[in-house]
Amino acid sequence: MANEPSHLPMIVLIVLVLVGAGVGAGYVYYKNVTHAAQAPVLVQIGDNVTVTYIGVLDSGPETGKVFDTSVYQVATNNATWPKALQFFSHGPASAYTQLGVHVGPLNAANVTLNNYSFVQVVPGFWQGIVGIPANVSHTIIVTPSLGYAAYPCNLVQPLQYRLPVVQMLTGTQFQKEYPGNSATTGATFTNAQYGWTMLILSANSTSVTVENLAHVGAVAHPTSWGVTVTNITSTPNGSGWITLVNNLAASDAGHLAGTSSAGFSCAGQTVTRYIVTAVNETAGTYTEDFNQEVGGQTLIFIVKVINLFTPAVNSTVSR
């Protein structure tokens, strides 16, 4: 009796076709089913983050200007990012690094973790980054109540003031006021503050007498604006006064900064930098404000979270 043909190859082929069809149908089904994307990890209170930031004034005369940044390219680009009067320069490119921020108020010392030091920042900054993911730029608006306070640290100064034509100083005073110059009778040197020539009338072991050789009409620059010599008086004994006027106008308010040699006590600290915040030409006065430029102003921070550290694991959250 002849052997009947085997049906095994046909059965195997049918099984393979069915299996292949099932896999293909499954792939088509998978591709057409909407799958929820993995939710990003968001910044929470108690976290520690590193950020890059650009701080911009959003109120006051210098609105739209950068007062601080952690981005070197921004710090060095004045065309695109004009700088405020008291813009904070960090120095060379290597000094521009991410800022470690503790998200929340600190009741003790700053947190140090993974070679980063996480500092406390104004409430409006850390509150503004709560709930945001990493690696996306976010804009935070910080109002004065959640930013930097302004204190009553103002001095009203006269636009016109006087300097003595002749000064009598001790040797110590001479070296402090005119450092680097030798107290020799008959010698001359340049007044570093005003730019005119100084003549040493006499000098001995106890005192030095100097004369300011200014002239009417001269414009000096003891600070960031000019002052004009308007009058010089003299007496037979060689004394007299040099009258100067600050070349300031009302339109300069908020746009000029200066430095005080004496300093001023503001919020418990001695401050030397100030901003001219008012010029009253009728009264003949101007106002030196020793607050930080950001004090009492609304601020914009353009922030990007780079690393996020959770307090539970003390490690960087995977992205």
Foldseek 3Di string as FASTA:
>chain_A
DDDDDDCVVVVVVVVVVVVVVVVVVVVVVVVPDDDDDDDFDAAAAQKKFWKWKWKAFCDDPRHQATQETLQVVLVPDCPVHPHAPNRDDQDDNVSRDTAIARQYDDPDDFDAAPNHTHDYFFNQVSVQRGGHGFPDKDKTKAALVRHAAADPFKDKFFQKDKDKQKDKAFPVVCCVQPNPDDQDAQDWDARPQFGFIKHFNDDDNTITMIGGPDDFQDWGPNWPFIKGFHDWDADPVGITITMIGTPDDQVCASPGKTFAPVFTQDPNDTATIWGFHGDDVVVRITMTGRDDSCHNTIMMMTMGTHFMAHPVVSDTDDD
